[in-house]
Structures are given as C-alpha cells and as structure tokens.
Amino acid sequence: MIYAIFVGLSLDLKKGLIMGMLTGITLGIFTEWMQAYVPGRQTDIYDGLADVCGTLCGLLAIYLVSTRLSDT
C-alpha cells in the first residue's frame, strides 16, 4: 500500500521502493516504540525486526512482479 501511494505520486520504481522501504521501516520502529506506552504491551526487538523483514519481503515481491510485468 505504501508503495502504491508513492507510485501514485509519479515516482519511478526505484524511488518508490526506496521511499516504501524507508516509510515501512520507520513505521515498524515507531509502532514498537509506542507499544512501550500501552498498558499490557511491551516493546520487543524481535518484533521490530519482524516488521522490517516483512517490509523488505513485501517490497521484494513488488519489485519482482513489477520487473516481470515490464518485461512482457
């Protein structure tokens, strides 16, 4: 979804992926930090790393599909 927003802003594939990566990682870190202030929740570095890995896997999938579609 983040990538789609940046592509909608007329960014090319590379810039869209970079902006999506930076935004996704920032949001993942921010949500982990905010959990420290929610009663009954705790901040966990491994959950933050899972957020980052999920962002990178999603962007990799977008990249692979986009390059396949542009080749045809």
PDB file of N, CA and C in Angstrom:
ATOM      1  N   MET A   1       0.825  -1.180   0.000  1.00  0.00           N
ATOM      2  CA  MET A   1       0.000   0.000   0.000  1.00  0.00           C
ATOM      3  C   MET A   1       0.877   1.253   0.000  1.00  0.00           C
ATOM      4  N   ILE A   2       1.924   1.241   0.800  1.00  0.00           N
ATOM      5  CA  ILE A   2       2.818   2.395   0.840  1.00  0.00           C
ATOM      6  C   ILE A   2       3.459   2.612  -0.521  1.00  0.00           C
ATOM      7  N   TYR A   3       3.886   1.521  -1.148  1.00  0.00           N
ATOM      8  CA  TYR A   3       4.492   1.619  -2.478  1.00  0.00           C
ATOM      9  C   TYR A   3       3.504   2.216  -3.468  1.00  0.00           C
ATOM     10  N   ALA A   4       2.238   1.788  -3.401  1.00  0.00           N
ATOM     11  CA  ALA A   4       1.219   2.293  -4.326  1.00  0.00           C
ATOM     12  C   ALA A   4       1.027   3.801  -4.166  1.00  0.00           C
ATOM     13  N   ILE A   5       1.120   4.279  -2.958  1.00  0.00           N
ATOM     14  CA  ILE A   5       0.995   5.723  -2.728  1.00  0.00           C
ATOM     15  C   ILE A   5       2.137   6.463  -3.407  1.00  0.00           C
ATOM     16  N   PHE A   6       3.353   5.970  -3.250  1.00  0.00           N
ATOM     17  CA  PHE A   6       4.497   6.657  -3.853  1.00  0.00           C
ATOM     18  C   PHE A   6       4.490   6.547  -5.372  1.00  0.00           C
ATOM     19  N   VAL A   7       4.041   5.423  -5.902  1.00  0.00           N
ATOM     20  CA  VAL A   7       3.930   5.303  -7.355  1.00  0.00           C
ATOM     21  C   VAL A   7       2.833   6.240  -7.857  1.00  0.00           C
ATOM     22  N   GLY A   8       1.767   6.376  -7.080  1.00  0.00           N
ATOM     23  CA  GLY A   8       0.712   7.322  -7.433  1.00  0.00           C
ATOM     24  C   GLY A   8       1.203   8.753  -7.477  1.00  0.00           C
ATOM     25  N   LEU A   9       2.279   9.026  -6.754  1.00  0.00           N
ATOM     26  CA  LEU A   9       2.886  10.357  -6.786  1.00  0.00           C
ATOM     27  C   LEU A   9       3.859  10.502  -7.954  1.00  0.00           C
ATOM     28  N   SER A  10       3.799   9.567  -8.882  1.00  0.00           N
ATOM     29  CA  SER A  10       4.602   9.564 -10.109  1.00  0.00           C
ATOM     30  C   SER A  10       6.089   9.340  -9.851  1.00  0.00           C
ATOM     31  N   LEU A  11       6.403   8.567  -8.851  1.00  0.00           N
ATOM     32  CA  LEU A  11       7.794   8.182  -8.648  1.00  0.00           C
ATOM     33  C   LEU A  11       8.072   6.938  -9.482  1.00  0.00           C
ATOM     34  N   ASP A  12       9.294   6.793  -9.952  1.00  0.00           N
ATOM     35  CA  ASP A  12       9.639   5.586 -10.694  1.00  0.00           C
ATOM     36  C   ASP A  12       9.787   4.413  -9.724  1.00  0.00           C
ATOM     37  N   LEU A  13      10.022   3.222 -10.260  1.00  0.00           N
ATOM     38  CA  LEU A  13      10.080   2.008  -9.459  1.00  0.00           C
ATOM     39  C   LEU A  13      11.137   2.102  -8.361  1.00  0.00           C
ATOM     40  N   LYS A  14      12.334   2.530  -8.711  1.00  0.00           N
ATOM     41  CA  LYS A  14      13.428   2.578  -7.741  1.00  0.00           C
ATOM     42  C   LYS A  14      13.116   3.553  -6.604  1.00  0.00           C
ATOM     43  N   LYS A  15      12.663   4.757  -6.941  1.00  0.00           N
ATOM     44  CA  LYS A  15      12.347   5.738  -5.908  1.00  0.00           C
ATOM     45  C   LYS A  15      11.157   5.295  -5.064  1.00  0.00           C
ATOM     46  N   GLY A  16      10.169   4.672  -5.701  1.00  0.00           N
ATOM     47  CA  GLY A  16       9.017   4.169  -4.964  1.00  0.00           C
ATOM     48  C   GLY A  16       9.405   3.086  -3.970  1.00  0.00           C
ATOM     49  N   LEU A  17      10.302   2.191  -4.389  1.00  0.00           N
ATOM     50  CA  LEU A  17      10.758   1.134  -3.488  1.00  0.00           C
ATOM     51  C   LEU A  17      11.573   1.697  -2.328  1.00  0.00           C
ATOM     52  N   ILE A  18      12.423   2.659  -2.611  1.00  0.00           N
ATOM     53  CA  ILE A  18      13.235   3.267  -1.551  1.00  0.00           C
ATOM     54  C   ILE A  18      12.349   4.005  -0.553  1.00  0.00           C
ATOM     55  N   MET A  19      11.406   4.793  -1.052  1.00  0.00           N
ATOM     56  CA  MET A  19      10.505   5.520  -0.157  1.00  0.00           C
ATOM     57  C   MET A  19       9.621   4.550   0.622  1.00  0.00           C
ATOM     58  N   GLY A  20       9.171   3.481  -0.028  1.00  0.00           N
ATOM     59  CA  GLY A  20       8.379   2.468   0.662  1.00  0.00           C
ATOM     60  C   GLY A  20       9.177   1.790   1.758  1.00  0.00           C
ATOM     61  N   MET A  21      10.446   1.501   1.471  1.00  0.00           N
ATOM     62  CA  MET A  21      11.312   0.862   2.461  1.00  0.00           C
ATOM     63  C   MET A  21      11.522   1.787   3.656  1.00  0.00           C
ATOM     64  N   LEU A  22      11.865   3.025   3.401  1.00  0.00           N
ATOM     65  CA  LEU A  22      12.102   3.971   4.491  1.00  0.00           C
ATOM     66  C   LEU A  22      10.844   4.192   5.324  1.00  0.00           C
ATOM     67  N   THR A  23       9.711   4.327   4.669  1.00  0.00           N
ATOM     68  CA  THR A  23       8.459   4.542   5.382  1.00  0.00           C
ATOM     69  C   THR A  23       8.063   3.307   6.181  1.00  0.00           C
ATOM     70  N   GLY A  24       8.159   2.133   5.577  1.00  0.00           N
ATOM     71  CA  GLY A  24       7.786   0.900   6.269  1.00  0.00           C
ATOM     72  C   GLY A  24       8.648   0.627   7.476  1.00  0.00           C
ATOM     73  N   ILE A  25       9.940   0.815   7.336  1.00  0.00           N
ATOM     74  CA  ILE A  25      10.850   0.588   8.457  1.00  0.00           C
ATOM     75  C   ILE A  25      10.607   1.614   9.561  1.00  0.00           C
ATOM     76  N   THR A  26      10.401   2.857   9.177  1.00  0.00           N
ATOM     77  CA  THR A  26      10.122   3.899  10.167  1.00  0.00           C
ATOM     78  C   THR A  26       8.835   3.604  10.924  1.00  0.00           C
ATOM     79  N   LEU A  27       7.791   3.205  10.216  1.00  0.00           N
ATOM     80  CA  LEU A  27       6.527   2.878  10.888  1.00  0.00           C
ATOM     81  C   LEU A  27       6.674   1.661  11.798  1.00  0.00           C
ATOM     82  N   GLY A  28       7.440   0.669  11.382  1.00  0.00           N
ATOM     83  CA  GLY A  28       7.671  -0.502  12.221  1.00  0.00           C
ATOM     84  C   GLY A  28       8.377  -0.144  13.514  1.00  0.00           C
ATOM     85  N   ILE A  29       9.400   0.672  13.412  1.00  0.00           N
ATOM     86  CA  ILE A  29      10.134   1.099  14.604  1.00  0.00           C
ATOM     87  C   ILE A  29       9.253   1.972  15.493  1.00  0.00           C
ATOM     88  N   PHE A  30       8.483   2.857  14.874  1.00  0.00           N
ATOM     89  CA  PHE A  30       7.604   3.749  15.634  1.00  0.00           C
ATOM     90  C   PHE A  30       6.539   2.971  16.403  1.00  0.00           C
ATOM     91  N   THR A  31       5.918   1.979  15.764  1.00  0.00           N
ATOM     92  CA  THR A  31       4.877   1.214  16.460  1.00  0.00           C
ATOM     93  C   THR A  31       5.463   0.404  17.614  1.00  0.00           C
ATOM     94  N   GLU A  32       6.680  -0.107  17.434  1.00  0.00           N
ATOM     95  CA  GLU A  32       7.321  -0.822  18.538  1.00  0.00           C
ATOM     96  C   GLU A  32       7.622   0.118  19.697  1.00  0.00           C
ATOM     97  N   TRP A  33       8.072   1.293  19.406  1.00  0.00           N
ATOM     98  CA  TRP A  33       8.365   2.275  20.442  1.00  0.00           C
ATOM     99  C   TRP A  33       7.092   2.684  21.170  1.00  0.00           C
ATOM    100  N   MET A  34       5.993   2.873  20.427  1.00  0.00           N
ATOM    101  CA  MET A  34       4.725   3.285  21.036  1.00  0.00           C
ATOM    102  C   MET A  34       4.140   2.196  21.928  1.00  0.00           C
ATOM    103  N   GLN A  35       4.430   0.943  21.650  1.00  0.00           N
ATOM    104  CA  GLN A  35       3.914  -0.139  22.483  1.00  0.00           C
ATOM    105  C   GLN A  35       4.433  -0.071  23.918  1.00  0.00           C
ATOM    106  N   ALA A  36       5.540   0.587  24.119  1.00  0.00           N
ATOM    107  CA  ALA A  36       6.082   0.735  25.472  1.00  0.00           C
ATOM    108  C   ALA A  36       5.156   1.568  26.355  1.00  0.00           C
ATOM    109  N   TYR A  37       4.299   2.384  25.740  1.00  0.00           N
ATOM    110  CA  TYR A  37       3.410   3.273  26.485  1.00  0.00           C
ATOM    111  C   TYR A  37       1.981   2.752  26.568  1.00  0.00           C
ATOM    112  N   VAL A  38       1.718   1.579  26.030  1.00  0.00           N
ATOM    113  CA  VAL A  38       0.385   0.985  26.068  1.00  0.00           C
ATOM    114  C   VAL A  38       0.357  -0.044  27.194  1.00  0.00           C
ATOM    115  N   PRO A  39      -0.582   0.105  28.137  1.00  0.00           N
ATOM    116  CA  PRO A  39      -0.648  -0.866  29.242  1.00  0.00           C
ATOM    117  C   PRO A  39      -0.886  -2.287  28.723  1.00  0.00           C
ATOM    118  N   GLY A  40      -0.136  -3.221  29.265  1.00  0.00           N
ATOM    119  CA  GLY A  40      -0.270  -4.619  28.868  1.00  0.00           C
ATOM    120  C   GLY A  40       0.543  -5.009  27.652  1.00  0.00           C
ATOM    121  N   ARG A  41       1.241  -4.056  27.050  1.00  0.00           N
ATOM    122  CA  ARG A  41       2.085  -4.342  25.875  1.00  0.00           C
ATOM    123  C   ARG A  41       3.532  -4.083  26.240  1.00  0.00           C
ATOM    124  N   GLN A  42       4.413  -4.704  25.511  1.00  0.00           N
ATOM    125  CA  GLN A  42       5.835  -4.468  25.734  1.00  0.00           C
ATOM    126  C   GLN A  42       6.550  -4.340  24.398  1.00  0.00           C
ATOM    127  N   THR A  43       7.660  -3.642  24.420  1.00  0.00           N
ATOM    128  CA  THR A  43       8.478  -3.470  23.224  1.00  0.00           C
ATOM    129  C   THR A  43       9.416  -4.669  23.107  1.00  0.00           C
ATOM    130  N   ASP A  44       9.521  -5.207  21.893  1.00  0.00           N
ATOM    131  CA  ASP A  44      10.374  -6.368  21.669  1.00  0.00           C
ATOM    132  C   ASP A  44      11.193  -6.142  20.405  1.00  0.00           C
ATOM    133  N   ILE A  45      12.495  -6.244  20.509  1.00  0.00           N
ATOM    134  CA  ILE A  45      13.381  -6.016  19.373  1.00  0.00           C
ATOM    135  C   ILE A  45      13.111  -7.016  18.253  1.00  0.00           C
ATOM    136  N   TYR A  46      12.750  -8.238  18.606  1.00  0.00           N
ATOM    137  CA  TYR A  46      12.494  -9.257  17.584  1.00  0.00           C
ATOM    138  C   TYR A  46      11.209  -8.962  16.812  1.00  0.00           C
ATOM    139  N   ASP A  47      10.231  -8.366  17.473  1.00  0.00           N
ATOM    140  CA  ASP A  47       9.013  -7.964  16.775  1.00  0.00           C
ATOM    141  C   ASP A  47       9.323  -6.820  15.811  1.00  0.00           C
ATOM    142  N   GLY A  48      10.200  -5.913  16.233  1.00  0.00           N
ATOM    143  CA  GLY A  48      10.623  -4.831  15.345  1.00  0.00           C
ATOM    144  C   GLY A  48      11.374  -5.361  14.136  1.00  0.00           C
ATOM    145  N   LEU A  49      12.239  -6.348  14.358  1.00  0.00           N
ATOM    146  CA  LEU A  49      12.956  -6.961  13.233  1.00  0.00           C
ATOM    147  C   LEU A  49      12.005  -7.701  12.299  1.00  0.00           C
ATOM    148  N   ALA A  50      10.966  -8.303  12.860  1.00  0.00           N
ATOM    149  CA  ALA A  50       9.958  -8.968  12.027  1.00  0.00           C
ATOM    150  C   ALA A  50       9.220  -7.943  11.162  1.00  0.00           C
ATOM    151  N   ASP A  51       8.946  -6.766  11.707  1.00  0.00           N
ATOM    152  CA  ASP A  51       8.318  -5.692  10.926  1.00  0.00           C
ATOM    153  C   ASP A  51       9.210  -5.278   9.752  1.00  0.00           C
ATOM    154  N   VAL A  52      10.489  -5.127  10.037  1.00  0.00           N
ATOM    155  CA  VAL A  52      11.446  -4.734   8.994  1.00  0.00           C
ATOM    156  C   VAL A  52      11.542  -5.825   7.920  1.00  0.00           C
ATOM    157  N   CYS A  53      11.635  -7.082   8.355  1.00  0.00           N
ATOM    158  CA  CYS A  53      11.713  -8.197   7.392  1.00  0.00           C
ATOM    159  C   CYS A  53      10.450  -8.280   6.540  1.00  0.00           C
ATOM    160  N   GLY A  54       9.301  -8.073   7.157  1.00  0.00           N
ATOM    161  CA  GLY A  54       8.039  -8.083   6.408  1.00  0.00           C
ATOM    162  C   GLY A  54       7.986  -6.978   5.374  1.00  0.00           C
ATOM    163  N   THR A  55       8.465  -5.803   5.743  1.00  0.00           N
ATOM    164  CA  THR A  55       8.518  -4.683   4.800  1.00  0.00           C
ATOM    165  C   THR A  55       9.425  -5.011   3.623  1.00  0.00           C
ATOM    166  N   LEU A  56      10.607  -5.529   3.920  1.00  0.00           N
ATOM    167  CA  LEU A  56      11.558  -5.848   2.853  1.00  0.00           C
ATOM    168  C   LEU A  56      11.047  -6.973   1.955  1.00  0.00           C
ATOM    169  N   CYS A  57      10.408  -7.985   2.527  1.00  0.00           N
ATOM    170  CA  CYS A  57       9.850  -9.082   1.715  1.00  0.00           C
ATOM    171  C   CYS A  57       8.728  -8.577   0.810  1.00  0.00           C
ATOM    172  N   GLY A  58       7.885  -7.723   1.344  1.00  0.00           N
ATOM    173  CA  GLY A  58       6.809  -7.151   0.537  1.00  0.00           C
ATOM    174  C   GLY A  58       7.334  -6.314  -0.612  1.00  0.00           C
ATOM    175  N   LEU A  59       8.343  -5.513  -0.346  1.00  0.00           N
ATOM    176  CA  LEU A  59       8.925  -4.683  -1.399  1.00  0.00           C
ATOM    177  C   LEU A  59       9.670  -5.528  -2.428  1.00  0.00           C
ATOM    178  N   LEU A  60      10.292  -6.609  -1.984  1.00  0.00           N
ATOM    179  CA  LEU A  60      10.935  -7.522  -2.929  1.00  0.00           C
ATOM    180  C   LEU A  60       9.900  -8.150  -3.855  1.00  0.00           C
ATOM    181  N   ALA A  61       8.779  -8.546  -3.306  1.00  0.00           N
ATOM    182  CA  ALA A  61       7.702  -9.116  -4.129  1.00  0.00           C
ATOM    183  C   ALA A  61       7.192  -8.095  -5.140  1.00  0.00           C
ATOM    184  N   ILE A  62       7.013  -6.858  -4.706  1.00  0.00           N
ATOM    185  CA  ILE A  62       6.570  -5.800  -5.619  1.00  0.00           C
ATOM    186  C   ILE A  62       7.591  -5.597  -6.725  1.00  0.00           C
ATOM    187  N   TYR A  63       8.869  -5.584  -6.365  1.00  0.00           N
ATOM    188  CA  TYR A  63       9.922  -5.405  -7.362  1.00  0.00           C
ATOM    189  C   TYR A  63       9.910  -6.529  -8.388  1.00  0.00           C
ATOM    190  N   LEU A  64       9.814  -7.772  -7.906  1.00  0.00           N
ATOM    191  CA  LEU A  64       9.825  -8.913  -8.830  1.00  0.00           C
ATOM    192  C   LEU A  64       8.619  -8.901  -9.764  1.00  0.00           C
ATOM    193  N   VAL A  65       7.458  -8.607  -9.232  1.00  0.00           N
ATOM    194  CA  VAL A  65       6.254  -8.555 -10.079  1.00  0.00           C
ATOM    195  C   VAL A  65       6.350  -7.388 -11.061  1.00  0.00           C
ATOM    196  N   SER A  66       6.812  -6.237 -10.604  1.00  0.00           N
ATOM    197  CA  SER A  66       6.913  -5.069 -11.496  1.00  0.00           C
ATOM    198  C   SER A  66       7.895  -5.304 -12.626  1.00  0.00           C
ATOM    199  N   THR A  67       9.029  -5.926 -12.326  1.00  0.00           N
ATOM    200  CA  THR A  67      10.003  -6.168 -13.396  1.00  0.00           C
ATOM    201  C   THR A  67       9.510  -7.235 -14.360  1.00  0.00           C
ATOM    202  N   ARG A  68       8.780  -8.214 -13.860  1.00  0.00           N
ATOM    203  CA  ARG A  68       8.202  -9.248 -14.760  1.00  0.00           C
ATOM    204  C   ARG A  68       7.163  -8.636 -15.684  1.00  0.00           C
ATOM    205  N   LEU A  69       6.319  -7.754 -15.126  1.00  0.00           N
ATOM    206  CA  LEU A  69       5.288  -7.129 -15.942  1.00  0.00           C
ATOM    207  C   LEU A  69       5.864  -6.182 -16.988  1.00  0.00           C
ATOM    208  N   SER A  70       6.971  -5.512 -16.639  1.00  0.00           N
ATOM    209  CA  SER A  70       7.571  -4.579 -17.597  1.00  0.00           C
ATOM    210  C   SER A  70       8.337  -5.322 -18.691  1.00  0.00           C
ATOM    211  N   ASP A  71       8.732  -6.580 -18.440  1.00  0.00           N
ATOM    212  CA  ASP A  71       9.435  -7.370 -19.447  1.00  0.00           C
ATOM    213  C   ASP A  71       8.492  -7.902 -20.520  1.00  0.00           C
ATOM    214  N   THR A  72       7.214  -8.013 -20.196  1.00  0.00           N
ATOM    215  CA  THR A  72       6.268  -8.573 -21.179  1.00  0.00           C
ATOM    216  C   THR A  72       5.683  -7.531 -22.065  1.00  0.00           C
TER     217      THR A  72
END
